[in-house]
Amino acid sequence: MAATTGSNVQQKIAEVLEGMTFPAYMNNAENTKISTPVLTDIDSVRQWLEDLRWMTETECMTVLQGKSIQAEDGDSLPSPVRNTKEHIKMVRKRAHIITAECAKLFHKLDKERWKKVHSNALRITCTIRSLLHDISAHSPNLAIDVFQQQQVVMEECAQLIKHVESIGEINGEKPQKLPMVHSLTCLGQAFTRLIDKVLAHEVRIIVEGVADSPSAYCIKASITSLVGVAQGEPQMCHLIVKEGGVRALFTICRQDTANFVKSQALRAVATLCSVPEAIAEVEKVDGVGCLTDILCDPLTTEATRTEVAGVVAQITSPMLDHYRHVSGFIENMEDLLRGLIGLCETASSPEVFLLGSAAIANITFLDSMASEFLARYQVARVLVTSSVRLKVSSIFIKDQLCTVLANVAMLEQCREDIIQCNGVAVLVGFLHEKPPYNKQTERVACERVQQKSAIALARLCKDVITAGVVKQLKGLQRLVELCRKPKERNYSDSVLVACLATLRKLASVCGEDEFSQEDLIQLVQPRLIDSYLICSSLQESFV
């Protein structure tokens, strides 16, 4: 019964559908089955969708143009850290102008030019007040001692104006300049102390950004600001070290999670180590041990190892006025040298090779033990081979290379390594360097290359074979030329002495038959001081 009823219902539905008429777009020639109508096939709907597309795109562009671009990783750099570098430059520049104006006022007081004293003093005090206003506007949360020092400066300004306002002849007597000089001196001292406090406050913000920033972006930005402030500014380096900058940077270098910023931190350390206080701070935080660990870590990138070499080269530079032994070097010397030699061996660029070889060269001056380690790790072979592979042309790289070769040539093992790796030819080639470089630093470096190459050859030429190689490569001829032609050695007397000593060494090994009669009489047979006087570039006049 139920089945019969169901079939009747289906029959009724079929009849109704057969009697219905559908729109043309619902007919399908290939398929007679009923299809569902599509709205986009209607002309009015399609046109509406086309119009809607352009309307929504315009609206989206309007909204996007009104949005600000977010900082990296969603972190915005704190305003104090972002503006500190420029603010420090502004404060120092304006302070320098005020100091110069004070010096001019001192000169006018000394010459008793009373008509200009009044206007100059007013200008100085107004400029100081303007600077103090800008400092307070930029840093409203200054420490109490800074505010107190500001009050002292304002009082000294008022005192100076008081004295200046009293200028005028009294009973025919000229104004007394001593009180004004004393007042101006006190103002200058108070102003200097204030600027030091303000700069220390700004530097503290940067150091705190390095040590306490919650994100990688902020740490990078803070270190960049620190380097920008310290670059070529010993006073700022002093302040940064005093505020704990070196300690904060080495804290980052010791963190395994801070690999993204280690290269920047090490470069900042190298920048700060131009002042002795920074090197002393490196000793306090066992910086040499930290540098050694980073350099010898096989996972450390070449860029980071290069920055380590830069720090080592800086703190061991014999050119520093405060040159001294740094604690921790003796204990870590072997590991340091092994790491630096490895860096030079695999250097991918001349710049990397320069920093690595410079660090090695400086260490050779520290202790005689360094030469033993260098001989053990075949430094001569590594440096000569790498310099040929990289096709180095920089006079500064050649300076470092010949420094190392000259210092290690005294050891028999290193001497043999230099000879076997064609180091003699390299050194003779260095003798042919020409002084006419564009910059003074390059000319001085060229003189050092000539001098050290001559010294190295003198130490290598202990046998007839090596001396014969030098002669065959026209090294003997070049040494004579450097002695006789002052222009070839840039009129350097140190190069002259080194070449004369090398010629005498060659004469003792090869015999005097290899020299012309004139060279023997002037360069070899006389006392060294007599030969020096003959060839010296100094032209004395007894008129």
Protein backbone atom coordinates (compact mmCIF):
# COMPACT_ATOMS: atom_id res chain seq x y z
CA MET A 1 0.00 0.00 0.00
CA ALA A 2 2.75 2.38 0.98
CA ALA A 3 4.72 1.56 -2.14
CA THR A 4 1.73 2.24 -4.32
CA THR A 5 1.14 5.63 -2.68
CA GLY A 6 4.81 6.65 -3.17
CA SER A 7 4.74 5.83 -6.85
CA ASN A 8 1.58 7.84 -7.32
CA VAL A 9 3.21 10.91 -5.73
CA GLN A 10 6.25 10.69 -8.02
CA GLN A 11 3.98 10.38 -11.05
CA LYS A 12 2.10 13.55 -10.04
CA ILE A 13 5.38 15.52 -9.65
CA ALA A 14 6.55 14.40 -13.07
CA GLU A 15 3.39 15.58 -14.69
CA VAL A 16 3.60 19.00 -13.05
CA LEU A 17 7.21 19.47 -14.17
CA GLU A 18 6.42 18.54 -17.74
CA GLY A 19 3.82 21.26 -17.87
CA MET A 20 6.20 24.04 -16.60
CA THR A 21 8.14 26.38 -18.93
CA PHE A 22 11.70 27.41 -17.85
CA PRO A 23 13.86 30.35 -19.11
CA ALA A 24 16.21 29.72 -22.03
CA TYR A 25 19.36 29.97 -19.86
CA MET A 26 18.10 26.93 -17.90
CA ASN A 27 17.85 24.76 -21.01
CA ASN A 28 20.77 22.50 -21.79
CA ALA A 29 21.00 20.95 -25.20
CA GLU A 30 23.42 18.29 -24.06
CA ASN A 31 21.61 17.40 -20.90
CA THR A 32 17.81 17.36 -20.61
CA LYS A 33 18.00 17.27 -16.83
CA ILE A 34 16.88 20.29 -14.82
CA SER A 35 19.85 22.67 -13.93
CA THR A 36 20.06 25.18 -11.14
CA PRO A 37 19.89 28.85 -12.31
CA VAL A 38 23.21 30.87 -12.01
CA LEU A 39 22.85 34.50 -10.82
CA THR A 40 25.95 35.74 -12.66
CA ASP A 41 24.35 34.81 -15.97
CA ILE A 42 21.86 37.66 -15.50
CA ASP A 43 23.07 40.86 -17.23
CA SER A 44 22.07 43.21 -14.41
CA VAL A 45 23.81 41.12 -11.75
CA ARG A 46 26.97 40.88 -13.84
CA GLN A 47 27.09 44.64 -14.31
CA TRP A 48 26.56 45.20 -10.61
CA LEU A 49 29.48 42.93 -9.77
CA GLU A 50 31.73 44.79 -12.24
CA ASP A 51 30.84 48.13 -10.65
CA LEU A 52 31.26 46.75 -7.13
CA ARG A 53 34.80 45.61 -7.87
CA TRP A 54 36.03 49.12 -8.67
CA MET A 55 34.12 50.63 -5.76
CA THR A 56 35.68 48.27 -3.20
CA GLU A 57 39.24 48.57 -4.59
CA THR A 58 39.13 52.35 -4.30
CA GLU A 59 37.84 52.10 -0.77
CA CYS A 60 40.60 49.63 0.17
CA MET A 61 43.30 51.93 -1.21
CA THR A 62 41.90 54.84 0.75
CA VAL A 63 42.03 52.83 3.97
CA LEU A 64 45.55 51.51 3.32
CA GLN A 65 46.94 54.98 2.62
CA GLY A 66 45.67 56.10 6.00
CA LYS A 67 47.57 53.34 7.85
CA SER A 68 51.14 53.71 9.12
CA ILE A 69 53.70 51.04 8.30
CA GLN A 70 54.56 48.96 11.36
CA ALA A 71 58.12 48.47 12.46
CA GLU A 72 59.95 45.22 11.96
CA ASP A 73 58.52 42.28 13.93
CA GLY A 74 55.79 44.56 15.20
CA ASP A 75 58.21 46.31 17.55
CA SER A 76 58.61 50.05 17.34
CA LEU A 77 61.94 51.52 18.39
CA PRO A 78 61.55 53.55 21.60
CA SER A 79 61.65 57.26 20.90
CA PRO A 80 64.53 58.04 23.34
CA VAL A 81 66.82 55.48 21.66
CA ARG A 82 65.77 56.58 18.17
CA ASN A 83 66.51 60.26 18.78
CA THR A 84 69.48 60.00 21.13
CA LYS A 85 72.18 59.92 18.46
CA GLU A 86 70.96 63.08 16.75
CA HIS A 87 70.33 64.78 20.07
CA ILE A 88 73.91 64.08 21.20
CA LYS A 89 75.24 65.55 17.96
CA MET A 90 73.08 68.64 18.43
CA VAL A 91 74.19 69.15 22.05
CA ARG A 92 77.87 68.73 21.22
CA LYS A 93 77.69 71.04 18.21
CA ARG A 94 75.96 73.82 20.09
CA ALA A 95 78.21 73.37 23.12
CA HIS A 96 81.22 73.72 20.83
CA ILE A 97 79.80 76.99 19.46
CA ILE A 98 79.23 78.32 22.98
CA THR A 99 82.75 77.35 24.01
CA ALA A 100 84.16 79.17 20.99
CA GLU A 101 82.13 82.27 21.89
CA CYS A 102 83.49 82.16 25.44
CA ALA A 103 87.02 82.01 24.07
CA LYS A 104 86.30 85.10 21.96
CA LEU A 105 84.93 86.90 25.01
CA PHE A 106 88.07 86.04 26.97
CA HIS A 107 90.12 87.56 24.16
CA LYS A 108 88.03 90.75 24.17
CA LEU A 109 88.36 91.06 27.94
CA ASP A 110 92.11 90.60 27.65
CA LYS A 111 92.28 93.35 25.01
CA GLU A 112 89.82 95.49 27.05
CA ARG A 113 87.41 95.96 24.17
CA TRP A 114 84.58 96.95 26.47
CA LYS A 115 82.15 98.00 23.75
CA LYS A 116 81.88 94.44 22.43
CA VAL A 117 82.01 92.66 25.79
CA HIS A 118 78.41 93.52 26.65
CA SER A 119 76.88 92.24 23.40
CA ASN A 120 79.01 89.08 23.38
CA ALA A 121 78.11 88.23 26.95
CA LEU A 122 74.41 88.67 26.26
CA ARG A 123 74.67 86.48 23.18
CA ILE A 124 76.45 83.73 25.15
CA THR A 125 73.92 83.69 27.98
CA CYS A 126 70.98 83.69 25.57
CA THR A 127 72.49 80.81 23.61
CA ILE A 128 73.06 78.84 26.81
CA ARG A 129 69.46 79.41 27.95
CA SER A 130 68.18 78.29 24.55
CA LEU A 131 70.25 75.12 24.71
CA LEU A 132 69.06 74.33 28.25
CA HIS A 133 65.46 74.79 27.12
CA ASP A 134 65.93 72.36 24.22
CA ILE A 135 67.65 69.82 26.46
CA SER A 136 64.78 69.90 28.95
CA ALA A 137 62.22 69.62 26.14
CA HIS A 138 63.94 66.58 24.67
CA SER A 139 64.63 64.86 28.00
CA PRO A 140 62.00 65.87 30.56
CA ASN A 141 63.08 63.04 32.90
CA LEU A 142 66.61 64.17 33.52
CA ALA A 143 68.28 63.18 36.78
CA ILE A 144 68.16 65.53 39.75
CA ASP A 145 71.88 66.28 39.58
CA VAL A 146 71.45 67.45 35.97
CA PHE A 147 68.65 69.84 36.98
CA GLN A 148 70.78 71.10 39.85
CA GLN A 149 73.69 71.72 37.49
CA GLN A 150 71.34 73.61 35.17
CA GLN A 151 70.48 75.91 38.06
CA VAL A 152 74.17 76.48 38.73
CA VAL A 153 74.73 77.42 35.09
CA MET A 154 71.78 79.82 35.15
CA GLU A 155 73.13 81.47 38.30
CA GLU A 156 76.56 81.86 36.71
CA CYS A 157 74.93 83.41 33.64
CA ALA A 158 73.12 85.91 35.86
CA GLN A 159 76.34 86.68 37.69
CA LEU A 160 78.18 87.32 34.41
CA ILE A 161 75.45 89.65 33.16
CA LYS A 162 75.54 91.50 36.48
CA HIS A 163 79.24 92.20 36.09
CA VAL A 164 78.86 93.16 32.43
CA GLU A 165 76.00 95.56 33.17
CA SER A 166 78.26 97.41 35.60
CA ILE A 167 80.80 98.21 32.90
CA GLY A 168 81.58 101.90 32.80
CA GLU A 169 84.20 104.30 33.99
CA ILE A 170 83.85 105.20 37.66
CA ASN A 171 85.72 108.31 38.76
CA GLY A 172 87.71 108.16 35.54
CA GLU A 173 88.90 104.60 36.18
CA LYS A 174 88.47 101.78 33.68
CA PRO A 175 86.25 98.78 34.53
CA GLN A 176 87.88 95.96 36.42
CA LYS A 177 88.21 92.98 34.18
CA LEU A 178 89.33 90.50 36.86
CA PRO A 179 85.82 89.92 38.31
CA MET A 180 84.41 89.38 34.83
CA VAL A 181 87.20 86.97 33.92
CA HIS A 182 86.55 85.06 37.13
CA SER A 183 82.81 84.98 36.45
CA LEU A 184 83.29 83.82 32.85
CA THR A 185 85.69 81.11 34.03
CA CYS A 186 83.16 79.82 36.56
CA LEU A 187 80.44 79.85 33.91
CA GLY A 188 82.64 77.88 31.50
CA GLN A 189 83.46 75.26 34.14
CA ALA A 190 79.83 74.89 35.20
CA PHE A 191 78.68 74.65 31.59
CA THR A 192 81.28 71.96 30.83
CA ARG A 193 80.15 69.90 33.82
CA LEU A 194 76.52 70.26 32.70
CA ILE A 195 77.25 69.10 29.16
CA ASP A 196 79.15 66.10 30.52
CA LYS A 197 76.16 65.16 32.68
CA VAL A 198 73.70 65.60 29.80
CA LEU A 199 75.81 63.50 27.44
CA ALA A 200 76.24 60.84 30.12
CA HIS A 201 72.46 60.71 30.53
CA GLU A 202 71.95 60.26 26.78
CA VAL A 203 74.68 57.63 26.57
CA ARG A 204 73.06 55.77 29.45
CA ILE A 205 69.87 55.51 27.40
CA ILE A 206 71.78 53.89 24.52
CA VAL A 207 73.62 51.47 26.81
CA GLU A 208 70.36 50.49 28.47
CA GLY A 209 68.94 49.90 25.00
CA VAL A 210 71.82 47.51 24.31
CA ALA A 211 71.53 45.67 27.60
CA ASP A 212 67.79 45.62 28.30
CA SER A 213 65.96 45.85 24.97
CA PRO A 214 63.29 43.13 24.65
CA SER A 215 63.66 42.62 20.90
CA ALA A 216 66.36 42.00 18.33
CA TYR A 217 65.36 45.10 16.39
CA CYS A 218 65.85 47.41 19.38
CA ILE A 219 69.22 45.84 20.25
CA LYS A 220 70.50 46.31 16.70
CA ALA A 221 69.29 49.90 16.58
CA SER A 222 70.88 50.69 19.96
CA ILE A 223 74.26 49.24 18.93
CA THR A 224 74.11 51.17 15.66
CA SER A 225 73.49 54.38 17.60
CA LEU A 226 76.34 53.55 19.98
CA VAL A 227 78.82 53.05 17.12
CA GLY A 228 77.63 56.23 15.42
CA VAL A 229 78.16 58.24 18.59
CA ALA A 230 81.59 56.74 19.39
CA GLN A 231 83.11 56.77 15.90
CA GLY A 232 86.16 59.02 15.99
CA GLU A 233 85.07 60.70 19.25
CA PRO A 234 87.35 59.81 22.21
CA GLN A 235 85.23 61.86 24.63
CA MET A 236 82.13 59.85 23.77
CA CYS A 237 84.09 56.60 24.00
CA HIS A 238 85.10 57.57 27.55
CA LEU A 239 81.48 58.21 28.49
CA ILE A 240 80.21 54.99 26.93
CA VAL A 241 82.83 52.94 28.76
CA LYS A 242 82.04 54.75 32.01
CA GLU A 243 78.34 53.93 31.63
CA GLY A 244 79.06 50.21 31.16
CA GLY A 245 79.01 50.00 27.38
CA VAL A 246 81.83 47.46 27.04
CA ARG A 247 80.35 45.20 29.70
CA ALA A 248 76.92 45.30 28.01
CA LEU A 249 78.41 44.44 24.61
CA PHE A 250 80.36 41.45 25.93
CA THR A 251 77.23 40.25 27.72
CA ILE A 252 75.55 40.06 24.33
CA CYS A 253 78.57 38.32 22.79
CA ARG A 254 78.37 35.57 25.42
CA GLN A 255 74.70 34.80 24.73
CA ASP A 256 74.08 31.85 22.43
CA THR A 257 70.77 33.39 21.40
CA ALA A 258 72.37 36.65 20.24
CA ASN A 259 74.18 35.38 17.13
CA PHE A 260 72.15 37.79 15.01
CA VAL A 261 73.89 40.78 16.56
CA LYS A 262 77.35 39.52 17.61
CA SER A 263 79.11 41.02 14.60
CA GLN A 264 77.67 44.45 15.36
CA ALA A 265 78.54 44.16 19.05
CA LEU A 266 82.15 43.19 18.27
CA ARG A 267 82.51 46.09 15.86
CA ALA A 268 81.27 48.42 18.59
CA VAL A 269 83.88 46.99 20.98
CA ALA A 270 86.64 47.63 18.42
CA THR A 271 85.44 51.21 18.05
CA LEU A 272 85.48 51.83 21.80
CA CYS A 273 88.93 50.27 22.27
CA SER A 274 90.58 53.34 20.77
CA VAL A 275 90.73 54.65 24.37
CA PRO A 276 92.67 52.94 27.20
CA GLU A 277 89.66 52.81 29.54
CA ALA A 278 87.89 50.47 27.12
CA ILE A 279 90.85 48.08 26.94
CA ALA A 280 91.03 48.06 30.75
CA GLU A 281 87.32 47.18 30.80
CA VAL A 282 87.96 44.34 28.33
CA GLU A 283 90.42 42.92 30.84
CA LYS A 284 87.93 43.19 33.71
CA VAL A 285 85.24 41.20 31.87
CA ASP A 286 87.71 38.57 30.56
CA GLY A 287 87.14 39.85 27.05
CA VAL A 288 90.12 37.99 25.56
CA GLY A 289 88.68 34.68 26.72
CA CYS A 290 85.31 35.55 25.18
CA LEU A 291 86.95 36.56 21.89
CA THR A 292 88.89 33.29 21.81
CA ASP A 293 85.75 31.21 22.38
CA ILE A 294 83.91 32.96 19.55
CA LEU A 295 86.88 32.71 17.17
CA CYS A 296 87.45 28.99 17.79
CA ASP A 297 83.78 28.00 17.68
CA PRO A 298 83.29 26.00 14.43
CA LEU A 299 79.72 27.31 14.15
CA THR A 300 80.81 30.96 14.11
CA THR A 301 80.36 32.66 10.74
CA GLU A 302 83.26 34.23 8.87
CA ALA A 303 81.75 37.69 9.33
CA THR A 304 81.75 37.32 13.13
CA ARG A 305 85.26 35.83 13.19
CA THR A 306 86.43 38.77 11.10
CA GLU A 307 85.04 41.19 13.66
CA VAL A 308 86.87 39.25 16.41
CA ALA A 309 90.09 39.72 14.43
CA GLY A 310 89.32 43.43 14.23
CA VAL A 311 88.97 43.68 18.01
CA VAL A 312 92.21 41.74 18.58
CA ALA A 313 94.05 43.93 16.08
CA GLN A 314 92.75 47.07 17.80
CA ILE A 315 93.61 46.17 21.40
CA THR A 316 97.08 44.88 20.45
CA SER A 317 98.03 47.67 18.04
CA PRO A 318 101.58 48.91 18.75
CA MET A 319 100.54 52.26 17.27
CA LEU A 320 98.40 53.10 20.32
CA ASP A 321 99.81 55.62 22.77
CA HIS A 322 98.67 53.39 25.64
CA TYR A 323 100.16 50.20 24.16
CA ARG A 324 100.67 47.52 26.81
CA HIS A 325 100.15 43.83 27.45
CA VAL A 326 96.51 42.90 27.92
CA SER A 327 95.80 40.29 30.57
CA GLY A 328 94.47 37.07 29.17
CA PHE A 329 96.54 37.07 25.98
CA ILE A 330 99.29 34.77 27.22
CA GLU A 331 96.76 32.22 28.46
CA ASN A 332 94.78 32.28 25.18
CA MET A 333 97.58 33.05 22.73
CA GLU A 334 97.84 29.62 21.11
CA ASP A 335 94.09 29.28 20.54
CA LEU A 336 93.86 32.85 19.29
CA LEU A 337 96.69 32.37 16.79
CA ARG A 338 95.30 29.04 15.60
CA GLY A 339 91.91 30.66 15.01
CA LEU A 340 93.40 33.70 13.25
CA ILE A 341 95.59 31.56 10.99
CA GLY A 342 92.54 29.48 10.10
CA LEU A 343 90.64 32.67 9.28
CA CYS A 344 93.42 33.84 6.93
CA GLU A 345 93.65 30.41 5.30
CA THR A 346 89.96 30.32 4.40
CA ALA A 347 89.49 34.07 3.86
CA SER A 348 86.93 34.78 1.17
CA SER A 349 88.08 38.35 0.51
CA PRO A 350 91.14 40.60 0.91
CA GLU A 351 89.33 42.54 3.65
CA VAL A 352 89.00 39.43 5.81
CA PHE A 353 92.63 38.56 5.16
CA LEU A 354 93.72 42.09 6.13
CA LEU A 355 92.11 41.97 9.58
CA GLY A 356 93.31 38.45 10.29
CA SER A 357 96.90 39.17 9.26
CA ALA A 358 96.90 42.49 11.14
CA ALA A 359 95.89 40.72 14.35
CA ILE A 360 98.63 38.10 13.84
CA ALA A 361 101.22 40.78 13.10
CA ASN A 362 100.38 42.70 16.27
CA ILE A 363 100.53 39.56 18.43
CA THR A 364 104.07 38.84 17.19
CA PHE A 365 105.19 41.98 19.04
CA LEU A 366 103.64 40.87 22.33
CA ASP A 367 105.74 37.89 23.32
CA SER A 368 108.48 35.70 21.84
CA MET A 369 106.26 32.70 22.55
CA ALA A 370 103.99 33.84 19.72
CA SER A 371 106.67 32.98 17.12
CA GLU A 372 106.83 29.40 18.38
CA PHE A 373 103.08 28.96 17.95
CA LEU A 374 103.23 30.58 14.51
CA ALA A 375 105.96 28.16 13.47
CA ARG A 376 103.89 25.22 14.76
CA TYR A 377 100.90 26.23 12.62
CA GLN A 378 102.99 27.15 9.55
CA VAL A 379 101.88 30.76 9.42
CA ALA A 380 104.32 31.69 6.65
CA ARG A 381 102.95 29.06 4.27
CA VAL A 382 99.34 30.01 5.07
CA LEU A 383 99.82 33.75 4.63
CA VAL A 384 101.91 33.57 1.45
CA THR A 385 99.61 31.00 -0.15
CA SER A 386 96.45 32.92 0.76
CA SER A 387 97.88 36.24 -0.45
CA VAL A 388 98.62 34.66 -3.83
CA ARG A 389 95.18 33.03 -3.97
CA LEU A 390 93.39 36.29 -3.17
CA LYS A 391 95.67 38.31 -5.50
CA VAL A 392 96.10 40.99 -2.84
CA SER A 393 97.09 44.41 -4.11
CA SER A 394 96.47 46.59 -1.05
CA ILE A 395 99.63 48.14 0.36
CA PHE A 396 98.18 47.74 3.85
CA ILE A 397 97.83 43.97 3.43
CA LYS A 398 101.40 43.79 2.17
CA ASP A 399 102.46 45.77 5.23
CA GLN A 400 100.93 43.20 7.58
CA LEU A 401 102.27 40.26 5.60
CA CYS A 402 105.88 41.43 5.53
CA THR A 403 105.63 42.34 9.24
CA VAL A 404 104.77 38.74 10.11
CA LEU A 405 107.43 37.32 7.80
CA ALA A 406 110.12 39.64 9.19
CA ASN A 407 109.23 38.82 12.80
CA VAL A 408 109.12 35.03 12.36
CA ALA A 409 112.14 34.79 10.02
CA MET A 410 114.40 34.67 13.06
CA LEU A 411 113.18 31.12 13.85
CA GLU A 412 114.86 28.41 11.78
CA GLN A 413 111.63 26.47 11.23
CA CYS A 414 109.79 29.56 10.01
CA ARG A 415 112.75 30.52 7.86
CA GLU A 416 112.57 27.19 6.05
CA ASP A 417 108.81 27.54 5.61
CA ILE A 418 109.21 31.00 4.07
CA ILE A 419 111.82 29.76 1.61
CA GLN A 420 109.85 26.64 0.64
CA CYS A 421 106.59 28.55 -0.02
CA ASN A 422 108.32 31.04 -2.35
CA GLY A 423 108.33 33.74 0.32
CA VAL A 424 111.66 35.13 -0.91
CA ALA A 425 110.13 36.06 -4.25
CA VAL A 426 107.20 37.69 -2.47
CA LEU A 427 109.55 39.80 -0.32
CA VAL A 428 111.66 40.85 -3.31
CA GLY A 429 108.44 41.87 -5.03
CA PHE A 430 107.58 44.03 -2.03
CA LEU A 431 110.93 45.81 -2.43
CA HIS A 432 109.72 47.02 -5.83
CA GLU A 433 106.74 48.87 -4.38
CA LYS A 434 106.66 52.48 -5.56
CA PRO A 435 106.09 55.34 -3.04
CA PRO A 436 103.94 57.71 -5.20
CA TYR A 437 100.58 56.84 -3.64
CA ASN A 438 97.75 59.35 -3.43
CA LYS A 439 97.35 59.39 0.35
CA GLN A 440 99.92 60.02 3.04
CA THR A 441 98.91 56.86 4.91
CA GLU A 442 99.60 54.81 1.79
CA ARG A 443 103.02 56.42 1.31
CA VAL A 444 103.97 55.68 4.91
CA ALA A 445 102.74 52.10 4.54
CA CYS A 446 104.86 51.74 1.41
CA GLU A 447 107.93 52.83 3.37
CA ARG A 448 107.17 50.22 6.03
CA VAL A 449 106.79 47.53 3.36
CA GLN A 450 110.19 48.37 1.85
CA GLN A 451 111.88 48.51 5.24
CA LYS A 452 110.41 45.28 6.63
CA SER A 453 110.98 43.40 3.38
CA ALA A 454 114.66 44.33 3.50
CA ILE A 455 114.87 43.23 7.14
CA ALA A 456 113.16 39.93 6.37
CA LEU A 457 115.53 39.23 3.46
CA ALA A 458 118.53 39.98 5.66
CA ARG A 459 117.31 37.40 8.19
CA LEU A 460 116.60 34.80 5.50
CA CYS A 461 119.90 35.10 3.62
CA LYS A 462 122.00 32.86 5.85
CA ASP A 463 123.15 30.60 3.03
CA VAL A 464 124.50 31.02 -0.47
CA ILE A 465 121.47 29.42 -2.13
CA THR A 466 118.95 31.84 -0.63
CA ALA A 467 121.21 34.81 -1.30
CA GLY A 468 121.59 33.60 -4.88
CA VAL A 469 117.81 33.51 -5.27
CA VAL A 470 117.61 37.12 -4.10
CA LYS A 471 120.24 38.12 -6.67
CA GLN A 472 118.54 36.13 -9.42
CA LEU A 473 115.24 37.94 -8.72
CA LYS A 474 117.10 41.28 -9.04
CA GLY A 475 116.73 41.93 -5.32
CA LEU A 476 120.36 43.02 -5.03
CA GLN A 477 119.90 45.54 -7.84
CA ARG A 478 116.74 46.92 -6.19
CA LEU A 479 118.47 47.30 -2.81
CA VAL A 480 121.23 49.36 -4.40
CA GLU A 481 118.62 51.45 -6.22
CA LEU A 482 116.76 52.17 -2.97
CA CYS A 483 120.02 53.34 -1.40
CA ARG A 484 121.11 55.58 -4.25
CA LYS A 485 117.72 57.04 -5.28
CA PRO A 486 116.02 58.76 -2.34
CA LYS A 487 112.83 59.31 -4.31
CA GLU A 488 112.37 55.53 -4.70
CA ARG A 489 112.15 55.19 -0.93
CA ASN A 490 110.17 58.42 -0.43
CA TYR A 491 113.29 59.95 1.14
CA SER A 492 112.96 57.57 4.10
CA ASP A 493 116.11 57.11 6.17
CA SER A 494 114.72 54.02 7.92
CA VAL A 495 114.41 52.27 4.54
CA LEU A 496 117.95 53.37 3.70
CA VAL A 497 119.40 51.84 6.88
CA ALA A 498 117.52 48.56 6.36
CA CYS A 499 118.74 48.30 2.75
CA LEU A 500 122.35 49.04 3.70
CA ALA A 501 122.24 46.34 6.38
CA THR A 502 120.78 43.82 3.91
CA LEU A 503 123.45 44.62 1.32
CA ARG A 504 126.18 43.98 3.88
CA LYS A 505 124.52 40.68 4.82
CA LEU A 506 124.46 39.60 1.15
CA ALA A 507 128.09 40.64 0.73
CA SER A 508 129.14 38.51 3.71
CA VAL A 509 127.30 35.46 2.33
CA CYS A 510 127.86 35.75 -1.44
CA GLY A 511 131.15 37.58 -1.39
CA GLU A 512 132.07 41.04 -2.62
CA ASP A 513 132.51 39.87 -6.21
CA GLU A 514 128.77 40.27 -6.79
CA PHE A 515 129.03 44.06 -6.29
CA SER A 516 130.42 46.78 -8.50
CA GLN A 517 133.49 48.60 -7.31
CA GLU A 518 131.52 51.79 -6.67
CA ASP A 519 128.89 49.97 -4.63
CA LEU A 520 131.58 48.27 -2.57
CA ILE A 521 133.36 51.53 -1.80
CA GLN A 522 130.22 53.48 -0.89
CA LEU A 523 127.66 50.94 0.37
CA VAL A 524 129.47 47.88 1.74
CA GLN A 525 133.02 48.53 2.90
CA PRO A 526 132.61 51.77 4.93
CA ARG A 527 131.11 51.89 8.36
CA LEU A 528 127.31 51.85 8.31
CA ILE A 529 127.13 55.44 9.53
CA ASP A 530 129.47 56.58 6.76
CA SER A 531 127.43 54.84 4.06
CA TYR A 532 124.31 56.37 5.58
CA LEU A 533 125.79 59.86 5.35
CA ILE A 534 126.75 59.27 1.72
CA CYS A 535 123.26 58.16 0.70
CA SER A 536 121.17 60.12 3.18
CA SER A 537 118.46 62.34 1.78
CA LEU A 538 119.22 65.03 4.33
CA GLN A 539 120.74 68.06 2.62
CA GLU A 540 122.65 70.02 5.21
CA SER A 541 123.56 73.65 4.72
CA PHE A 542 126.35 75.35 6.61
CA VAL A 543 125.69 78.83 5.24
